[in-house]
Amino acid sequence: MKIKVGYELIYDCPQPTPMMLLLNIHYTRAADLAVPDHVVTDPSIPIAAYRDSFGNWCSRIVAPKGQTRITSTAVVNDSGEPEVVATSAQQHLIQDLPEEALVFLLASRYCDTEKFLQIAWNMFGQTPMGWGRVQAICDFVHNHISFGYEHASATRTAWETFNERRGVCRDFAHLAIAFCRCMNIPARYCTGYLGDIGVPPPYGPMDFAAWFEAYLGGRWYTFDPRNNVPRIGRVLMARGRDAIDVAISTTFGTNTLVSFKVWTDEVRSA
């Protein structure tokens, strides 16, 4: 299938404002792009591209005084199949993990694992190691947190999510990641597009989505504690330790996000 994805962000800046943007589809999906996701600004301004330490495609701009519109539309080829469920995937001993996975065992800004260690082992220490343990974590997080856009907070940590029992998709991901890391399972934060393909209505407002990947059985697998079912048409944009590594924009100055739109739609055959 083909999926049309894109966004429109409009910022209002009282003075020229440097910005770092993380808005491109992940390089691992580059071969799937039927229409590339070029970042376009109005007014037209220079864009410098770079790769961050996690391999994500990033952009740098200086938004001028006034309103700046940032937009992109792409078409992605997708298998149309639900995400892989590998119930036999085993957990690795720490000494057998590849070096690149080790950083995803550590505490990070929003995944404050040091507060969860005893709680995590009390809750999940008797669950089957490997896939079953990660799924048990997802089941708990899915049932423990009340989802609502009105609960969004840019500063909420996994510990706060655990205690407040509310949040948005990034909070679900942060809490599950923190539990996985406490159980010695590498887990990394992911963000991207996730539409309603294969999901019955009613549909909520479209936004960028957050989920995580756990390292089991020699590879990374997708888990989504917010939805907690395999989904169709997930399009990765970026990976990192937590949301601070994959913010869609990091601005260095006062600004107002005037408008925010995201779309993810299956392209129907004529």
Protein backbone atom coordinates (compact mmCIF):
# COMPACT_ATOMS: atom_id res chain seq x y z
CA MET A 1 0.00 0.00 0.00
CA LYS A 2 0.95 3.65 -0.29
CA ILE A 3 0.60 6.09 2.60
CA LYS A 4 0.57 9.87 2.23
CA VAL A 5 2.16 11.55 5.24
CA GLY A 6 3.04 15.12 6.08
CA TYR A 7 2.77 18.07 8.40
CA GLU A 8 2.36 21.83 8.55
CA LEU A 9 3.91 23.82 11.40
CA ILE A 10 3.56 27.60 11.66
CA TYR A 11 5.78 29.46 14.12
CA ASP A 12 5.56 33.13 15.04
CA CYS A 13 8.89 34.59 16.21
CA PRO A 14 9.39 38.13 17.57
CA GLN A 15 12.99 38.09 16.29
CA PRO A 16 15.21 35.82 14.15
CA THR A 17 15.29 32.48 15.99
CA PRO A 18 17.64 29.51 15.44
CA MET A 19 15.85 26.16 15.31
CA MET A 20 16.86 22.50 15.12
CA LEU A 21 14.24 20.38 13.37
CA LEU A 22 13.78 16.62 13.35
CA LEU A 23 11.06 16.21 10.76
CA ASN A 24 12.39 13.79 8.14
CA ILE A 25 11.42 10.15 7.76
CA HIS A 26 14.09 7.83 9.14
CA TYR A 27 16.84 6.75 6.74
CA THR A 28 15.82 3.10 7.17
CA ARG A 29 12.64 3.91 5.21
CA ALA A 30 14.43 5.87 2.46
CA ALA A 31 13.97 3.08 -0.09
CA ASP A 32 10.21 3.15 0.60
CA LEU A 33 9.75 6.81 -0.35
CA ALA A 34 7.73 7.05 -3.55
CA VAL A 35 7.60 10.84 -3.06
CA PRO A 36 10.47 12.24 -0.92
CA ASP A 37 9.81 14.27 2.21
CA HIS A 38 11.56 17.54 1.43
CA VAL A 39 11.26 20.18 4.15
CA VAL A 40 9.85 23.41 2.69
CA THR A 41 9.66 26.79 4.41
CA ASP A 42 7.60 29.89 3.64
CA PRO A 43 9.23 32.34 3.43
CA SER A 44 12.04 30.42 1.81
CA ILE A 45 15.10 30.32 4.07
CA PRO A 46 18.39 28.33 4.03
CA ILE A 47 18.19 24.83 5.53
CA ALA A 48 21.31 22.97 6.66
CA ALA A 49 21.00 19.19 7.04
CA TYR A 50 22.98 16.90 9.32
CA ARG A 51 22.85 13.49 11.03
CA ASP A 52 22.74 13.38 14.82
CA SER A 53 24.53 10.87 17.05
CA PHE A 54 21.61 8.43 16.74
CA GLY A 55 21.61 8.55 12.94
CA ASN A 56 18.48 10.68 12.62
CA TRP A 57 18.16 13.19 9.75
CA CYS A 58 17.99 16.72 11.17
CA SER A 59 17.75 20.27 9.83
CA ARG A 60 18.89 23.68 11.06
CA ILE A 61 17.24 26.98 10.21
CA VAL A 62 17.05 30.52 11.48
CA ALA A 63 13.38 31.45 11.41
CA PRO A 64 12.96 35.16 10.53
CA LYS A 65 10.91 37.64 12.51
CA GLY A 66 7.20 37.00 11.96
CA GLN A 67 5.51 33.80 10.85
CA THR A 68 7.37 30.86 9.29
CA ARG A 69 5.49 27.95 7.75
CA ILE A 70 7.33 24.60 7.70
CA THR A 71 5.74 21.80 5.72
CA SER A 72 6.33 18.54 3.91
CA THR A 73 4.32 15.87 2.14
CA ALA A 74 5.63 12.41 1.23
CA VAL A 75 4.28 9.13 -0.09
CA VAL A 76 5.60 5.96 1.54
CA ASN A 77 5.38 2.42 0.22
CA ASP A 78 4.36 0.04 3.00
CA SER A 79 3.80 -3.69 3.23
CA GLY A 80 0.31 -3.20 4.62
CA GLU A 81 1.01 -5.99 7.11
CA PRO A 82 0.61 -5.69 10.89
CA GLU A 83 3.79 -5.39 12.92
CA VAL A 84 5.76 -8.50 13.80
CA VAL A 85 4.89 -10.42 16.96
CA ALA A 86 7.75 -12.75 17.93
CA THR A 87 6.70 -14.42 21.17
CA SER A 88 9.78 -16.66 21.12
CA ALA A 89 12.26 -13.73 21.04
CA GLN A 90 14.65 -14.16 23.95
CA GLN A 91 16.30 -11.66 26.27
CA HIS A 92 20.08 -11.33 26.06
CA LEU A 93 22.51 -11.44 28.95
CA ILE A 94 24.06 -8.01 29.37
CA GLN A 95 27.51 -9.34 28.48
CA ASP A 96 26.12 -10.63 25.17
CA LEU A 97 24.53 -7.35 24.07
CA PRO A 98 26.08 -5.39 21.17
CA GLU A 99 27.81 -2.21 22.28
CA GLU A 100 25.34 0.05 20.46
CA ALA A 101 22.50 -1.30 22.63
CA LEU A 102 24.14 -0.53 25.97
CA VAL A 103 23.23 3.16 26.06
CA PHE A 104 19.58 2.11 25.96
CA LEU A 105 19.97 0.39 29.34
CA LEU A 106 20.81 3.67 31.06
CA ALA A 107 18.65 6.28 32.74
CA SER A 108 17.83 9.35 30.65
CA ARG A 109 16.06 12.69 31.05
CA TYR A 110 12.51 11.33 31.00
CA CYS A 111 13.21 7.70 31.88
CA ASP A 112 14.36 8.00 35.49
CA THR A 113 15.04 4.31 36.04
CA GLU A 114 16.81 4.73 39.38
CA LYS A 115 13.41 5.36 41.00
CA PHE A 116 11.88 2.17 39.59
CA LEU A 117 14.44 -0.57 40.20
CA GLN A 118 12.82 -2.33 43.15
CA ILE A 119 9.29 -1.63 41.90
CA ALA A 120 10.11 -3.06 38.46
CA TRP A 121 11.60 -6.27 39.85
CA ASN A 122 8.70 -6.70 42.26
CA MET A 123 6.19 -6.27 39.45
CA PHE A 124 7.88 -8.09 36.58
CA GLY A 125 10.56 -10.30 38.09
CA GLN A 126 8.34 -13.39 37.86
CA THR A 127 7.25 -12.81 34.26
CA PRO A 128 8.81 -14.93 31.48
CA MET A 129 12.05 -13.41 30.23
CA GLY A 130 12.11 -12.05 26.69
CA TRP A 131 9.04 -11.11 24.69
CA GLY A 132 6.64 -12.11 27.46
CA ARG A 133 8.29 -9.73 29.91
CA VAL A 134 8.16 -6.75 27.54
CA GLN A 135 4.54 -7.54 26.73
CA ALA A 136 3.71 -7.75 30.43
CA ILE A 137 5.24 -4.29 30.86
CA CYS A 138 3.19 -2.94 27.93
CA ASP A 139 0.01 -4.49 29.34
CA PHE A 140 0.58 -2.83 32.69
CA VAL A 141 1.38 0.59 31.22
CA HIS A 142 -1.58 0.39 28.83
CA ASN A 143 -3.96 -0.33 31.71
CA HIS A 144 -2.30 1.96 34.28
CA ILE A 145 -2.34 5.26 32.36
CA SER A 146 -5.37 7.27 31.33
CA PHE A 147 -4.79 8.77 27.87
CA GLY A 148 -5.84 12.32 27.05
CA TYR A 149 -4.37 15.21 25.07
CA GLU A 150 -5.35 17.48 27.93
CA HIS A 151 -2.78 15.59 30.02
CA ALA A 152 0.17 16.57 27.79
CA SER A 153 3.20 17.95 29.61
CA ALA A 154 6.60 18.73 28.17
CA THR A 155 8.36 17.98 31.47
CA ARG A 156 6.61 14.84 32.78
CA THR A 157 9.00 12.00 33.61
CA ALA A 158 8.27 8.28 33.72
CA TRP A 159 8.13 8.46 37.52
CA GLU A 160 5.58 11.25 37.40
CA THR A 161 3.55 9.33 34.83
CA PHE A 162 3.58 6.25 37.06
CA ASN A 163 2.26 8.26 40.00
CA GLU A 164 -0.15 10.57 38.17
CA ARG A 165 -1.54 7.71 36.04
CA ARG A 166 -2.24 9.95 33.08
CA GLY A 167 -0.50 11.17 29.95
CA VAL A 168 -0.14 11.03 26.18
CA CYS A 169 1.64 8.50 23.97
CA ARG A 170 5.12 9.77 24.86
CA ASP A 171 4.37 9.17 28.55
CA PHE A 172 3.25 5.60 27.84
CA ALA A 173 6.51 5.02 25.96
CA HIS A 174 8.70 6.61 28.66
CA LEU A 175 7.19 4.51 31.43
CA ALA A 176 7.50 1.26 29.48
CA ILE A 177 11.09 2.11 28.50
CA ALA A 178 12.00 2.80 32.13
CA PHE A 179 10.60 -0.56 33.23
CA CYS A 180 12.40 -2.41 30.42
CA ARG A 181 15.74 -0.82 31.27
CA CYS A 182 15.28 -1.74 34.93
CA MET A 183 14.82 -5.35 33.79
CA ASN A 184 18.06 -5.17 31.74
CA ILE A 185 16.24 -5.03 28.39
CA PRO A 186 17.56 -2.29 26.04
CA ALA A 187 14.72 0.00 25.03
CA ARG A 188 14.79 3.08 22.78
CA TYR A 189 12.21 5.81 22.18
CA CYS A 190 10.70 6.21 18.70
CA THR A 191 8.57 8.85 17.06
CA GLY A 192 6.88 9.09 13.68
CA TYR A 193 3.59 8.81 11.84
CA LEU A 194 0.83 6.39 12.85
CA GLY A 195 -2.49 6.66 11.08
CA ASP A 196 -5.75 4.82 11.64
CA ILE A 197 -5.25 2.21 8.91
CA GLY A 198 -7.07 -0.98 9.89
CA VAL A 199 -8.57 0.62 13.00
CA PRO A 200 -12.36 1.06 13.34
CA PRO A 201 -13.76 4.56 13.97
CA PRO A 202 -14.14 6.87 15.78
CA TYR A 203 -10.77 8.43 14.97
CA GLY A 204 -8.99 10.94 17.18
CA PRO A 205 -7.10 14.02 16.01
CA MET A 206 -3.93 13.23 14.05
CA ASP A 207 -0.58 13.88 15.70
CA PHE A 208 2.94 12.52 15.63
CA ALA A 209 3.04 9.28 17.59
CA ALA A 210 5.47 7.80 20.13
CA TRP A 211 6.33 4.16 20.77
CA PHE A 212 9.46 2.20 21.64
CA GLU A 213 11.68 -0.61 20.44
CA ALA A 214 13.12 -3.38 22.64
CA TYR A 215 16.20 -5.42 21.79
CA LEU A 216 15.36 -9.12 21.91
CA GLY A 217 16.62 -12.13 19.99
CA GLY A 218 19.31 -10.20 18.13
CA ARG A 219 17.12 -7.41 16.75
CA TRP A 220 14.91 -4.49 17.68
CA TYR A 221 11.13 -5.05 17.88
CA THR A 222 8.35 -2.45 17.95
CA PHE A 223 6.13 -2.16 21.02
CA ASP A 224 3.35 0.37 21.53
CA PRO A 225 1.97 0.52 25.08
CA ARG A 226 -0.47 3.28 24.14
CA ASN A 227 -2.36 1.14 21.60
CA ASN A 228 -1.00 -2.26 22.70
CA VAL A 229 -1.91 -4.06 19.48
CA PRO A 230 0.11 -4.58 16.25
CA ARG A 231 -0.63 -1.73 13.86
CA ILE A 232 -0.40 -1.20 10.10
CA GLY A 233 1.48 1.63 8.42
CA ARG A 234 3.73 2.94 11.17
CA VAL A 235 6.36 5.28 9.63
CA LEU A 236 9.46 5.91 11.74
CA MET A 237 10.99 9.38 11.85
CA ALA A 238 13.54 9.21 14.67
CA ARG A 239 14.96 7.16 17.53
CA GLY A 240 16.73 8.17 20.73
CA ARG A 241 17.03 7.66 24.47
CA ASP A 242 13.76 9.48 25.11
CA ALA A 243 11.68 12.38 23.76
CA ILE A 244 14.42 14.95 24.37
CA ASP A 245 16.55 13.34 21.64
CA VAL A 246 13.79 13.39 19.00
CA ALA A 247 11.92 16.67 19.57
CA ILE A 248 10.35 17.80 16.28
CA SER A 249 11.75 21.27 16.95
CA THR A 250 14.20 22.75 19.41
CA THR A 251 14.06 26.54 19.38
CA PHE A 252 16.55 29.02 20.80
CA GLY A 253 14.36 32.03 21.50
CA THR A 254 10.81 33.09 22.21
CA ASN A 255 8.25 31.77 19.73
CA THR A 256 4.62 30.75 19.41
CA LEU A 257 3.44 27.60 17.61
CA VAL A 258 0.47 29.15 15.80
CA SER A 259 -0.66 26.05 13.90
CA PHE A 260 0.14 22.33 14.04
CA LYS A 261 -1.23 19.80 11.54
CA VAL A 262 -0.21 16.20 10.78
CA TRP A 263 -1.70 13.84 8.22
CA THR A 264 -1.33 10.11 7.57
CA ASP A 265 -3.68 8.67 4.97
CA GLU A 266 -3.78 5.52 2.88
CA VAL A 267 -3.66 6.35 -0.83
CA ARG A 268 -6.64 4.58 -2.34
CA SER A 269 -6.28 3.07 -5.81
CA ALA A 270 -8.43 4.65 -8.50
